[in-house]
Amino acid sequence: MRKLALIIIALASLTLGLAGCGGDSQNVPDGAVAVVDGEEITKAEFDTLLNRAKTSFKQNKRDFPKVGTPEYKTLQNQAVQYLIQQEQYRQKADDLDVEVTDKEVDDRLKQVKQQYFQGKEAEFQKNLKSQGLTVDQVRSEIESQLLSEKIYAKVTADVKVTDDEVEAYYDKKKSDYKVAASRDVRHILVAKKARADDIHSQLQNGGNFAALAKKYSTDPGSKQNGGKLTVRKGETVPEFDKVAFSLKKGELSAPVKTQYGYHIIEALSDVKPPSQTPLKDVKEQIRQQLLQEKRQKAITNWSKETNDEFEGKIAYQVGYAPPATTGNTTTAASE
């Protein structure tokens, strides 16, 4: 039921805050739901998008909102705003010298077919039919997605993060890069105290810890490894944590009760003290994080500028304008 979202990425990768008010509806032809700086958004385009939403609702076994309800109005608004956003992108693409070629659409479509249908054309066509879609509609959506990606790339092309910025961030957030004390232990977890006492007795009398762990432990993450795991201070439940870090190396604990049951813990190593992860080990991680933040800021600013540019250039057909008090963020009508 999610094939629609897999075949077509209906949401553009950029998001514009579109104005909630529009121009005079008298300037919108009968066959259109809106006009964006002279370019019509047709009723047919709107109907296609809403029909896709209906298909998605049906496949999810959900009732499609009835016309006139607040839920329907929300979907209608989302569909109109999404189509307006697409038209804005097309118009702004010229200013940015951005274009999408037929070959690029062909290549992305081939990639989609391979990724989701193992390259089987019959399976692809079958899925299109179940969604009520045509190949041309799919290609149009792919073209819109590629256009969005290219706009994002163009707007953020000059965004850089310097070494000084990385170091300043690291110094400010140094505590985030501390590594807690740790040690290697092994444990056996069982539900009943009587079973825990019996296993503890066997271990005290030379029982094989690994064999007993594989036989009795209910901890799926460690039982096949003989109960072995590395624990970091503060990352396990308090009762376990307290005992695990108070044992001497090689010491065996009495059964320890936690919310999961009863643990028998043996310390396999000394406690490794807490440490500070050096900048060199997290430098690129920080750089990528800051780079993403800067790119997001750049595209947000561009979106605002675009929104301001189109202020007063969008006219809505009667009944299709968004709420006057809402600054809407576009979302695809389909799910």
C-alpha atoms as a PDB file:
ATOM      1  CA  MET A   1       0.000   0.000   0.000  1.00  0.00           C
ATOM      2  CA  ARG A   2       3.022   2.277   0.150  1.00  0.00           C
ATOM      3  CA  LYS A   3       4.005   1.581  -3.481  1.00  0.00           C
ATOM      4  CA  LEU A   4       2.715   4.986  -4.532  1.00  0.00           C
ATOM      5  CA  ALA A   5       5.193   6.703  -2.266  1.00  0.00           C
ATOM      6  CA  LEU A   6       7.911   4.379  -3.503  1.00  0.00           C
ATOM      7  CA  ILE A   7       7.210   4.847  -7.197  1.00  0.00           C
ATOM      8  CA  ILE A   8       6.680   8.582  -7.089  1.00  0.00           C
ATOM      9  CA  ILE A   9       8.224  11.006  -4.663  1.00  0.00           C
ATOM     10  CA  ALA A  10       5.362  13.454  -4.754  1.00  0.00           C
ATOM     11  CA  LEU A  11       6.790  15.753  -2.134  1.00  0.00           C
ATOM     12  CA  ALA A  12       9.411  18.123  -3.429  1.00  0.00           C
ATOM     13  CA  SER A  13      12.646  18.100  -1.455  1.00  0.00           C
ATOM     14  CA  LEU A  14      12.305  21.836  -0.848  1.00  0.00           C
ATOM     15  CA  THR A  15       9.454  23.398   1.099  1.00  0.00           C
ATOM     16  CA  LEU A  16       8.103  26.851   0.495  1.00  0.00           C
ATOM     17  CA  GLY A  17       6.017  28.754   3.006  1.00  0.00           C
ATOM     18  CA  LEU A  18       3.245  29.787   0.673  1.00  0.00           C
ATOM     19  CA  ALA A  19       1.117  32.823   1.353  1.00  0.00           C
ATOM     20  CA  GLY A  20      -2.322  32.145   2.690  1.00  0.00           C
ATOM     21  CA  CYS A  21      -3.976  34.923   0.715  1.00  0.00           C
ATOM     22  CA  GLY A  22      -4.473  35.166  -3.016  1.00  0.00           C
ATOM     23  CA  GLY A  23      -5.428  37.569  -5.710  1.00  0.00           C
ATOM     24  CA  ASP A  24      -8.760  38.260  -7.400  1.00  0.00           C
ATOM     25  CA  SER A  25     -10.574  35.037  -8.370  1.00  0.00           C
ATOM     26  CA  GLN A  26     -12.009  36.846 -11.407  1.00  0.00           C
ATOM     27  CA  ASN A  27      -8.562  36.457 -13.013  1.00  0.00           C
ATOM     28  CA  VAL A  28      -8.751  32.643 -12.764  1.00  0.00           C
ATOM     29  CA  PRO A  29     -10.302  30.822 -15.751  1.00  0.00           C
ATOM     30  CA  ASP A  30     -13.110  28.331 -15.133  1.00  0.00           C
ATOM     31  CA  GLY A  31     -10.858  25.360 -15.914  1.00  0.00           C
ATOM     32  CA  ALA A  32      -8.217  26.330 -13.356  1.00  0.00           C
ATOM     33  CA  VAL A  33      -7.974  26.242  -9.560  1.00  0.00           C
ATOM     34  CA  ALA A  34      -5.265  28.900  -9.397  1.00  0.00           C
ATOM     35  CA  VAL A  35      -2.986  31.111 -11.460  1.00  0.00           C
ATOM     36  CA  VAL A  36       0.666  31.615 -10.528  1.00  0.00           C
ATOM     37  CA  ASP A  37       2.151  34.723 -12.136  1.00  0.00           C
ATOM     38  CA  GLY A  38       0.171  34.122 -15.308  1.00  0.00           C
ATOM     39  CA  GLU A  39       0.533  30.324 -15.382  1.00  0.00           C
ATOM     40  CA  GLU A  40      -2.591  28.244 -14.779  1.00  0.00           C
ATOM     41  CA  ILE A  41      -2.926  25.339 -12.342  1.00  0.00           C
ATOM     42  CA  THR A  42      -5.642  23.351 -14.078  1.00  0.00           C
ATOM     43  CA  LYS A  43      -8.576  21.605 -12.474  1.00  0.00           C
ATOM     44  CA  ALA A  44      -7.421  18.433 -14.236  1.00  0.00           C
ATOM     45  CA  GLU A  45      -4.068  18.578 -12.420  1.00  0.00           C
ATOM     46  CA  PHE A  46      -5.855  19.072  -9.119  1.00  0.00           C
ATOM     47  CA  ASP A  47      -8.280  16.197  -9.800  1.00  0.00           C
ATOM     48  CA  THR A  48      -5.395  13.870 -10.668  1.00  0.00           C
ATOM     49  CA  LEU A  49      -3.631  14.622  -7.400  1.00  0.00           C
ATOM     50  CA  LEU A  50      -6.792  14.220  -5.355  1.00  0.00           C
ATOM     51  CA  ASN A  51      -7.638  10.942  -7.092  1.00  0.00           C
ATOM     52  CA  ARG A  52      -4.230   9.624  -6.067  1.00  0.00           C
ATOM     53  CA  ALA A  53      -5.059  10.568  -2.505  1.00  0.00           C
ATOM     54  CA  LYS A  54      -8.363   8.673  -2.773  1.00  0.00           C
ATOM     55  CA  THR A  55      -6.532   5.590  -4.002  1.00  0.00           C
ATOM     56  CA  SER A  56      -4.091   5.816  -1.116  1.00  0.00           C
ATOM     57  CA  PHE A  57      -6.902   6.143   1.424  1.00  0.00           C
ATOM     58  CA  LYS A  58      -8.668   3.122  -0.070  1.00  0.00           C
ATOM     59  CA  GLN A  59      -5.538   0.984   0.040  1.00  0.00           C
ATOM     60  CA  ASN A  60      -5.044   1.990   3.669  1.00  0.00           C
ATOM     61  CA  LYS A  61      -8.660   0.983   4.356  1.00  0.00           C
ATOM     62  CA  ARG A  62      -9.513   4.533   5.375  1.00  0.00           C
ATOM     63  CA  ASP A  63     -12.598   6.511   4.415  1.00  0.00           C
ATOM     64  CA  PHE A  64     -11.833   9.449   2.166  1.00  0.00           C
ATOM     65  CA  PRO A  65     -13.066  12.731   3.733  1.00  0.00           C
ATOM     66  CA  LYS A  66     -16.413  13.918   2.471  1.00  0.00           C
ATOM     67  CA  VAL A  67     -16.607  17.134   0.481  1.00  0.00           C
ATOM     68  CA  GLY A  68     -17.319  20.051   2.772  1.00  0.00           C
ATOM     69  CA  THR A  69     -15.664  18.580   5.865  1.00  0.00           C
ATOM     70  CA  PRO A  70     -12.623  20.226   7.482  1.00  0.00           C
ATOM     71  CA  GLU A  71     -10.592  17.110   6.627  1.00  0.00           C
ATOM     72  CA  TYR A  72     -11.469  17.400   2.948  1.00  0.00           C
ATOM     73  CA  LYS A  73     -10.658  21.108   2.963  1.00  0.00           C
ATOM     74  CA  THR A  74      -7.234  20.308   4.432  1.00  0.00           C
ATOM     75  CA  LEU A  75      -6.502  17.794   1.673  1.00  0.00           C
ATOM     76  CA  GLN A  76      -7.772  20.203  -0.968  1.00  0.00           C
ATOM     77  CA  ASN A  77      -5.548  22.952   0.376  1.00  0.00           C
ATOM     78  CA  GLN A  78      -2.513  20.651   0.474  1.00  0.00           C
ATOM     79  CA  ALA A  79      -3.081  19.574  -3.122  1.00  0.00           C
ATOM     80  CA  VAL A  80      -3.477  23.129  -4.406  1.00  0.00           C
ATOM     81  CA  GLN A  81      -0.466  24.397  -2.491  1.00  0.00           C
ATOM     82  CA  TYR A  82       1.678  21.508  -3.735  1.00  0.00           C
ATOM     83  CA  LEU A  83       0.751  22.236  -7.348  1.00  0.00           C
ATOM     84  CA  ILE A  84       1.474  25.936  -6.803  1.00  0.00           C
ATOM     85  CA  GLN A  85       4.851  25.047  -5.340  1.00  0.00           C
ATOM     86  CA  GLN A  86       5.682  22.963  -8.397  1.00  0.00           C
ATOM     87  CA  GLU A  87       4.795  25.860 -10.681  1.00  0.00           C
ATOM     88  CA  GLN A  88       6.916  28.238  -8.614  1.00  0.00           C
ATOM     89  CA  TYR A  89       9.855  25.870  -8.956  1.00  0.00           C
ATOM     90  CA  ARG A  90       9.419  25.722 -12.702  1.00  0.00           C
ATOM     91  CA  GLN A  91       9.417  29.492 -12.938  1.00  0.00           C
ATOM     92  CA  LYS A  92      12.365  29.963 -10.566  1.00  0.00           C
ATOM     93  CA  ALA A  93      14.364  27.263 -12.359  1.00  0.00           C
ATOM     94  CA  ASP A  94      14.845  29.636 -15.288  1.00  0.00           C
ATOM     95  CA  ASP A  95      16.305  32.286 -12.986  1.00  0.00           C
ATOM     96  CA  LEU A  96      18.747  29.712 -11.591  1.00  0.00           C
ATOM     97  CA  ASP A  97      19.615  28.340 -15.039  1.00  0.00           C
ATOM     98  CA  VAL A  98      18.350  24.927 -13.943  1.00  0.00           C
ATOM     99  CA  GLU A  99      16.775  22.425 -16.305  1.00  0.00           C
ATOM    100  CA  VAL A 100      15.920  18.735 -16.339  1.00  0.00           C
ATOM    101  CA  THR A 101      16.569  16.727 -19.501  1.00  0.00           C
ATOM    102  CA  ASP A 102      14.546  13.815 -20.853  1.00  0.00           C
ATOM    103  CA  LYS A 103      17.578  11.583 -20.372  1.00  0.00           C
ATOM    104  CA  GLU A 104      17.736  12.459 -16.682  1.00  0.00           C
ATOM    105  CA  VAL A 105      14.071  11.539 -16.309  1.00  0.00           C
ATOM    106  CA  ASP A 106      14.681   8.297 -18.228  1.00  0.00           C
ATOM    107  CA  ASP A 107      17.614   7.410 -15.985  1.00  0.00           C
ATOM    108  CA  ARG A 108      15.688   8.086 -12.761  1.00  0.00           C
ATOM    109  CA  LEU A 109      12.691   6.092 -14.024  1.00  0.00           C
ATOM    110  CA  LYS A 110      15.005   3.188 -14.846  1.00  0.00           C
ATOM    111  CA  GLN A 111      16.463   3.440 -11.350  1.00  0.00           C
ATOM    112  CA  VAL A 112      12.969   3.346  -9.798  1.00  0.00           C
ATOM    113  CA  LYS A 113      12.017   0.283 -11.842  1.00  0.00           C
ATOM    114  CA  GLN A 114      15.196  -1.511 -10.851  1.00  0.00           C
ATOM    115  CA  GLN A 115      14.989  -0.591  -7.176  1.00  0.00           C
ATOM    116  CA  TYR A 116      11.354  -1.475  -6.586  1.00  0.00           C
ATOM    117  CA  PHE A 117      10.511  -3.920  -9.368  1.00  0.00           C
ATOM    118  CA  GLN A 118      13.856  -5.594 -10.097  1.00  0.00           C
ATOM    119  CA  GLY A 119      13.698  -4.058 -13.559  1.00  0.00           C
ATOM    120  CA  LYS A 120      10.523  -5.983 -14.471  1.00  0.00           C
ATOM    121  CA  GLU A 121       8.430  -3.812 -16.758  1.00  0.00           C
ATOM    122  CA  ALA A 122       5.314  -5.945 -16.287  1.00  0.00           C
ATOM    123  CA  GLU A 123       5.436  -5.504 -12.504  1.00  0.00           C
ATOM    124  CA  PHE A 124       5.915  -1.767 -12.908  1.00  0.00           C
ATOM    125  CA  GLN A 125       2.946  -1.466 -15.270  1.00  0.00           C
ATOM    126  CA  LYS A 126       0.804  -3.618 -12.970  1.00  0.00           C
ATOM    127  CA  ASN A 127       1.529  -1.309 -10.067  1.00  0.00           C
ATOM    128  CA  LEU A 128       0.776   1.796 -12.117  1.00  0.00           C
ATOM    129  CA  LYS A 129      -2.582   0.310 -13.058  1.00  0.00           C
ATOM    130  CA  SER A 130      -3.417  -0.423  -9.419  1.00  0.00           C
ATOM    131  CA  GLN A 131      -2.656   3.202  -8.569  1.00  0.00           C
ATOM    132  CA  GLY A 132      -4.629   4.594 -11.497  1.00  0.00           C
ATOM    133  CA  LEU A 133      -1.504   6.260 -12.868  1.00  0.00           C
ATOM    134  CA  THR A 134       0.005   6.652 -16.316  1.00  0.00           C
ATOM    135  CA  VAL A 135       3.662   6.590 -17.280  1.00  0.00           C
ATOM    136  CA  ASP A 136       3.391  10.241 -18.308  1.00  0.00           C
ATOM    137  CA  GLN A 137       2.193  11.145 -14.815  1.00  0.00           C
ATOM    138  CA  VAL A 138       5.084   9.239 -13.288  1.00  0.00           C
ATOM    139  CA  ARG A 139       7.536  11.002 -15.569  1.00  0.00           C
ATOM    140  CA  SER A 140       6.035  14.370 -14.649  1.00  0.00           C
ATOM    141  CA  GLU A 141       6.491  13.637 -10.945  1.00  0.00           C
ATOM    142  CA  ILE A 142      10.055  12.485 -11.495  1.00  0.00           C
ATOM    143  CA  GLU A 143      10.781  15.660 -13.457  1.00  0.00           C
ATOM    144  CA  SER A 144       9.426  17.754 -10.563  1.00  0.00           C
ATOM    145  CA  GLN A 145      11.539  15.838  -8.070  1.00  0.00           C
ATOM    146  CA  LEU A 146      14.701  16.235 -10.137  1.00  0.00           C
ATOM    147  CA  LEU A 147      13.972  19.933 -10.528  1.00  0.00           C
ATOM    148  CA  SER A 148      13.645  20.298  -6.755  1.00  0.00           C
ATOM    149  CA  GLU A 149      16.899  18.440  -6.199  1.00  0.00           C
ATOM    150  CA  LYS A 150      18.717  20.639  -8.700  1.00  0.00           C
ATOM    151  CA  ILE A 151      17.334  23.828  -7.181  1.00  0.00           C
ATOM    152  CA  TYR A 152      18.481  22.663  -3.744  1.00  0.00           C
ATOM    153  CA  ALA A 153      21.938  21.853  -5.123  1.00  0.00           C
ATOM    154  CA  LYS A 154      22.207  25.210  -6.898  1.00  0.00           C
ATOM    155  CA  VAL A 155      21.043  27.281  -3.931  1.00  0.00           C
ATOM    156  CA  THR A 156      23.372  25.485  -1.508  1.00  0.00           C
ATOM    157  CA  ALA A 157      26.350  25.069  -3.855  1.00  0.00           C
ATOM    158  CA  ASP A 158      28.506  27.694  -2.140  1.00  0.00           C
ATOM    159  CA  VAL A 159      27.777  26.587   1.423  1.00  0.00           C
ATOM    160  CA  LYS A 160      30.997  25.606   3.200  1.00  0.00           C
ATOM    161  CA  VAL A 161      32.084  24.779   6.746  1.00  0.00           C
ATOM    162  CA  THR A 162      35.576  25.833   7.832  1.00  0.00           C
ATOM    163  CA  ASP A 163      37.914  24.005  10.209  1.00  0.00           C
ATOM    164  CA  ASP A 164      37.576  26.927  12.617  1.00  0.00           C
ATOM    165  CA  GLU A 165      33.798  26.491  12.700  1.00  0.00           C
ATOM    166  CA  VAL A 166      34.183  22.777  13.360  1.00  0.00           C
ATOM    167  CA  GLU A 167      36.631  23.393  16.200  1.00  0.00           C
ATOM    168  CA  ALA A 168      34.441  26.098  17.748  1.00  0.00           C
ATOM    169  CA  TYR A 169      31.457  23.751  17.708  1.00  0.00           C
ATOM    170  CA  TYR A 170      33.498  20.950  19.275  1.00  0.00           C
ATOM    171  CA  ASP A 171      34.750  23.236  22.052  1.00  0.00           C
ATOM    172  CA  LYS A 172      31.216  24.425  22.766  1.00  0.00           C
ATOM    173  CA  LYS A 173      29.780  20.900  22.809  1.00  0.00           C
ATOM    174  CA  LYS A 174      32.745  19.104  24.320  1.00  0.00           C
ATOM    175  CA  SER A 175      30.631  17.329  26.917  1.00  0.00           C
ATOM    176  CA  ASP A 176      28.674  15.655  24.109  1.00  0.00           C
ATOM    177  CA  TYR A 177      31.833  13.860  23.028  1.00  0.00           C
ATOM    178  CA  LYS A 178      32.717  12.275  26.350  1.00  0.00           C
ATOM    179  CA  VAL A 179      32.832   8.479  26.439  1.00  0.00           C
ATOM    180  CA  ALA A 180      31.455   6.951  29.624  1.00  0.00           C
ATOM    181  CA  ALA A 181      33.359   4.422  31.715  1.00  0.00           C
ATOM    182  CA  SER A 182      32.989   0.908  30.324  1.00  0.00           C
ATOM    183  CA  ARG A 183      33.932  -2.672  30.977  1.00  0.00           C
ATOM    184  CA  ASP A 184      33.459  -6.153  29.570  1.00  0.00           C
ATOM    185  CA  VAL A 185      31.128  -8.416  31.509  1.00  0.00           C
ATOM    186  CA  ARG A 186      29.044 -11.482  30.950  1.00  0.00           C
ATOM    187  CA  HIS A 187      25.657 -12.221  32.428  1.00  0.00           C
ATOM    188  CA  ILE A 188      22.849 -14.721  32.549  1.00  0.00           C
ATOM    189  CA  LEU A 189      19.274 -13.432  32.716  1.00  0.00           C
ATOM    190  CA  VAL A 190      16.388 -15.608  33.941  1.00  0.00           C
ATOM    191  CA  ALA A 191      12.827 -14.887  35.040  1.00  0.00           C
ATOM    192  CA  LYS A 192      12.693 -16.687  38.402  1.00  0.00           C
ATOM    193  CA  LYS A 193      14.894 -16.212  41.477  1.00  0.00           C
ATOM    194  CA  ALA A 194      14.961 -19.937  42.175  1.00  0.00           C
ATOM    195  CA  ARG A 195      16.488 -20.564  38.740  1.00  0.00           C
ATOM    196  CA  ALA A 196      18.967 -17.727  39.282  1.00  0.00           C
ATOM    197  CA  ASP A 197      20.013 -19.148  42.665  1.00  0.00           C
ATOM    198  CA  ASP A 198      20.506 -22.582  41.130  1.00  0.00           C
ATOM    199  CA  ILE A 199      22.669 -21.214  38.282  1.00  0.00           C
ATOM    200  CA  HIS A 200      24.656 -19.094  40.719  1.00  0.00           C
ATOM    201  CA  SER A 201      25.355 -22.185  42.806  1.00  0.00           C
ATOM    202  CA  GLN A 202      26.507 -24.115  39.739  1.00  0.00           C
ATOM    203  CA  LEU A 203      28.869 -21.293  38.763  1.00  0.00           C
ATOM    204  CA  GLN A 204      30.356 -21.148  42.258  1.00  0.00           C
ATOM    205  CA  ASN A 205      31.067 -24.852  41.979  1.00  0.00           C
ATOM    206  CA  GLY A 206      32.887 -24.626  38.646  1.00  0.00           C
ATOM    207  CA  GLY A 207      29.981 -24.561  36.202  1.00  0.00           C
ATOM    208  CA  ASN A 208      30.678 -23.391  32.661  1.00  0.00           C
ATOM    209  CA  PHE A 209      29.356 -19.813  32.383  1.00  0.00           C
ATOM    210  CA  ALA A 210      29.102 -19.785  28.583  1.00  0.00           C
ATOM    211  CA  ALA A 211      27.287 -23.108  28.448  1.00  0.00           C
ATOM    212  CA  LEU A 212      24.837 -22.084  31.168  1.00  0.00           C
ATOM    213  CA  ALA A 213      24.204 -18.736  29.424  1.00  0.00           C
ATOM    214  CA  LYS A 214      23.399 -20.431  26.129  1.00  0.00           C
ATOM    215  CA  LYS A 215      21.108 -22.896  27.893  1.00  0.00           C
ATOM    216  CA  TYR A 216      19.222 -20.628  30.294  1.00  0.00           C
ATOM    217  CA  SER A 217      19.699 -16.913  29.537  1.00  0.00           C
ATOM    218  CA  THR A 218      16.699 -15.054  28.145  1.00  0.00           C
ATOM    219  CA  ASP A 219      18.806 -12.142  26.863  1.00  0.00           C
ATOM    220  CA  PRO A 220      18.812 -12.645  23.060  1.00  0.00           C
ATOM    221  CA  GLY A 221      21.557 -10.094  22.554  1.00  0.00           C
ATOM    222  CA  SER A 222      24.196 -11.968  24.517  1.00  0.00           C
ATOM    223  CA  LYS A 223      23.194 -15.570  25.201  1.00  0.00           C
ATOM    224  CA  GLN A 224      24.702 -16.997  22.004  1.00  0.00           C
ATOM    225  CA  ASN A 225      27.932 -15.197  22.852  1.00  0.00           C
ATOM    226  CA  GLY A 226      28.131 -16.896  26.224  1.00  0.00           C
ATOM    227  CA  GLY A 227      26.541 -13.881  27.890  1.00  0.00           C
ATOM    228  CA  LYS A 228      29.362 -11.494  26.941  1.00  0.00           C
ATOM    229  CA  LEU A 229      28.740  -7.808  26.358  1.00  0.00           C
ATOM    230  CA  THR A 230      30.423  -4.447  26.857  1.00  0.00           C
ATOM    231  CA  VAL A 231      28.510  -2.076  29.103  1.00  0.00           C
ATOM    232  CA  ARG A 232      28.908   1.672  29.497  1.00  0.00           C
ATOM    233  CA  LYS A 233      28.188   3.345  32.771  1.00  0.00           C
ATOM    234  CA  GLY A 234      24.734   4.843  32.907  1.00  0.00           C
ATOM    235  CA  GLU A 235      23.436   3.010  29.841  1.00  0.00           C
ATOM    236  CA  THR A 236      21.915  -0.028  31.573  1.00  0.00           C
ATOM    237  CA  VAL A 237      19.184  -0.175  34.208  1.00  0.00           C
ATOM    238  CA  PRO A 238      20.406   1.229  37.557  1.00  0.00           C
ATOM    239  CA  GLU A 239      20.465  -2.064  39.473  1.00  0.00           C
ATOM    240  CA  PHE A 240      22.546  -3.776  36.785  1.00  0.00           C
ATOM    241  CA  ASP A 241      24.763  -0.738  36.311  1.00  0.00           C
ATOM    242  CA  LYS A 242      25.605  -0.432  40.016  1.00  0.00           C
ATOM    243  CA  VAL A 243      26.672  -4.060  40.383  1.00  0.00           C
ATOM    244  CA  ALA A 244      28.452  -4.331  37.015  1.00  0.00           C
ATOM    245  CA  PHE A 245      30.758  -1.440  37.885  1.00  0.00           C
ATOM    246  CA  SER A 246      31.334  -2.362  41.529  1.00  0.00           C
ATOM    247  CA  LEU A 247      32.625  -5.897  40.925  1.00  0.00           C
ATOM    248  CA  LYS A 248      36.318  -6.660  40.913  1.00  0.00           C
ATOM    249  CA  LYS A 249      37.746  -8.199  37.773  1.00  0.00           C
ATOM    250  CA  GLY A 250      36.827 -11.913  37.745  1.00  0.00           C
ATOM    251  CA  GLU A 251      34.256 -11.514  40.525  1.00  0.00           C
ATOM    252  CA  LEU A 252      30.813 -13.126  40.251  1.00  0.00           C
ATOM    253  CA  SER A 253      27.724 -11.365  41.585  1.00  0.00           C
ATOM    254  CA  ALA A 254      24.801 -12.827  43.474  1.00  0.00           C
ATOM    255  CA  PRO A 255      21.510 -12.684  41.502  1.00  0.00           C
ATOM    256  CA  VAL A 256      20.560  -9.070  40.780  1.00  0.00           C
ATOM    257  CA  LYS A 257      16.874  -8.210  40.356  1.00  0.00           C
ATOM    258  CA  THR A 258      15.883  -5.722  37.650  1.00  0.00           C
ATOM    259  CA  GLN A 259      12.705  -5.071  35.700  1.00  0.00           C
ATOM    260  CA  TYR A 260      13.814  -7.776  33.253  1.00  0.00           C
ATOM    261  CA  GLY A 261      14.310 -10.560  35.780  1.00  0.00           C
ATOM    262  CA  TYR A 262      17.351 -11.848  37.669  1.00  0.00           C
ATOM    263  CA  HIS A 263      20.909 -11.344  36.424  1.00  0.00           C
ATOM    264  CA  ILE A 264      24.089 -13.141  37.425  1.00  0.00           C
ATOM    265  CA  ILE A 265      26.988 -10.907  36.406  1.00  0.00           C
ATOM    266  CA  GLU A 266      30.705 -11.631  36.100  1.00  0.00           C
ATOM    267  CA  ALA A 267      33.277  -8.884  35.476  1.00  0.00           C
ATOM    268  CA  LEU A 268      35.675  -9.878  32.712  1.00  0.00           C
ATOM    269  CA  SER A 269      37.845  -6.757  32.566  1.00  0.00           C
ATOM    270  CA  ASP A 270      38.921  -3.802  34.607  1.00  0.00           C
ATOM    271  CA  VAL A 271      36.786  -0.677  34.339  1.00  0.00           C
ATOM    272  CA  LYS A 272      37.929   1.492  31.457  1.00  0.00           C
ATOM    273  CA  PRO A 273      37.767   5.068  32.753  1.00  0.00           C
ATOM    274  CA  PRO A 274      35.730   7.769  30.981  1.00  0.00           C
ATOM    275  CA  SER A 275      37.511   9.598  28.178  1.00  0.00           C
ATOM    276  CA  GLN A 276      37.128  12.501  25.790  1.00  0.00           C
ATOM    277  CA  THR A 277      36.735  11.659  22.116  1.00  0.00           C
ATOM    278  CA  PRO A 278      39.414  13.717  20.317  1.00  0.00           C
ATOM    279  CA  LEU A 279      38.387  16.269  17.729  1.00  0.00           C
ATOM    280  CA  LYS A 280      40.117  14.368  14.933  1.00  0.00           C
ATOM    281  CA  ASP A 281      37.795  11.411  15.459  1.00  0.00           C
ATOM    282  CA  VAL A 282      34.580  13.455  15.118  1.00  0.00           C
ATOM    283  CA  LYS A 283      35.744  16.268  12.853  1.00  0.00           C
ATOM    284  CA  GLU A 284      34.014  15.056   9.700  1.00  0.00           C
ATOM    285  CA  GLN A 285      30.878  14.098  11.590  1.00  0.00           C
ATOM    286  CA  ILE A 286      30.632  17.640  12.959  1.00  0.00           C
ATOM    287  CA  ARG A 287      31.414  19.127   9.556  1.00  0.00           C
ATOM    288  CA  GLN A 288      28.568  17.204   7.926  1.00  0.00           C
ATOM    289  CA  GLN A 289      26.167  18.247  10.684  1.00  0.00           C
ATOM    290  CA  LEU A 290      27.078  21.929  10.359  1.00  0.00           C
ATOM    291  CA  LEU A 291      26.986  21.673   6.570  1.00  0.00           C
ATOM    292  CA  GLN A 292      23.453  20.315   6.680  1.00  0.00           C
ATOM    293  CA  GLU A 293      22.373  23.060   9.066  1.00  0.00           C
ATOM    294  CA  LYS A 294      23.869  25.751   6.826  1.00  0.00           C
ATOM    295  CA  ARG A 295      22.259  24.257   3.733  1.00  0.00           C
ATOM    296  CA  GLN A 296      18.904  24.165   5.453  1.00  0.00           C
ATOM    297  CA  LYS A 297      19.279  27.798   6.430  1.00  0.00           C
ATOM    298  CA  ALA A 298      20.224  28.730   2.864  1.00  0.00           C
ATOM    299  CA  ILE A 299      17.233  26.947   1.363  1.00  0.00           C
ATOM    300  CA  THR A 300      14.926  28.399   4.017  1.00  0.00           C
ATOM    301  CA  ASN A 301      16.098  31.913   3.152  1.00  0.00           C
ATOM    302  CA  TRP A 302      15.681  31.197  -0.545  1.00  0.00           C
ATOM    303  CA  SER A 303      12.178  29.874   0.114  1.00  0.00           C
ATOM    304  CA  LYS A 304      11.250  33.023   1.998  1.00  0.00           C
ATOM    305  CA  GLU A 305      12.609  35.212  -0.776  1.00  0.00           C
ATOM    306  CA  THR A 306      10.666  33.171  -3.319  1.00  0.00           C
ATOM    307  CA  ASN A 307       7.510  33.453  -1.267  1.00  0.00           C
ATOM    308  CA  ASP A 308       7.973  37.221  -1.022  1.00  0.00           C
ATOM    309  CA  GLU A 309       8.567  37.425  -4.765  1.00  0.00           C
ATOM    310  CA  PHE A 310       5.289  35.640  -5.535  1.00  0.00           C
ATOM    311  CA  GLU A 311       3.301  37.664  -2.987  1.00  0.00           C
ATOM    312  CA  GLY A 312       0.311  39.048  -4.824  1.00  0.00           C
ATOM    313  CA  LYS A 313       1.037  36.968  -7.942  1.00  0.00           C
ATOM    314  CA  ILE A 314      -1.148  34.006  -6.975  1.00  0.00           C
ATOM    315  CA  ALA A 315      -4.880  34.042  -7.639  1.00  0.00           C
ATOM    316  CA  TYR A 316      -7.258  31.301  -6.525  1.00  0.00           C
ATOM    317  CA  GLN A 317     -10.505  30.049  -7.978  1.00  0.00           C
ATOM    318  CA  VAL A 318     -13.496  30.530  -5.680  1.00  0.00           C
ATOM    319  CA  GLY A 319     -13.451  27.797  -3.030  1.00  0.00           C
ATOM    320  CA  TYR A 320      -9.770  26.883  -3.494  1.00  0.00           C
ATOM    321  CA  ALA A 321      -7.988  29.606  -1.561  1.00  0.00           C
ATOM    322  CA  PRO A 322      -6.247  28.529   1.671  1.00  0.00           C
ATOM    323  CA  PRO A 323      -7.358  29.934   5.027  1.00  0.00           C
ATOM    324  CA  ALA A 324      -6.467  33.614   5.119  1.00  0.00           C
ATOM    325  CA  THR A 325      -4.815  33.347   8.530  1.00  0.00           C
ATOM    326  CA  THR A 326      -2.542  30.400   7.705  1.00  0.00           C
ATOM    327  CA  GLY A 327       0.977  30.473   6.340  1.00  0.00           C
ATOM    328  CA  ASN A 328       0.849  27.089   4.662  1.00  0.00           C
ATOM    329  CA  THR A 329       3.665  24.653   4.154  1.00  0.00           C
ATOM    330  CA  THR A 330       2.999  22.388   1.207  1.00  0.00           C
ATOM    331  CA  THR A 331       2.451  18.720   1.639  1.00  0.00           C
ATOM    332  CA  ALA A 332       1.474  16.126  -0.935  1.00  0.00           C
ATOM    333  CA  ALA A 333      -2.168  15.205  -0.874  1.00  0.00           C
ATOM    334  CA  SER A 334      -1.303  11.559  -1.351  1.00  0.00           C
ATOM    335  CA  GLU A 335      -0.041   9.457   1.558  1.00  0.00           C
END
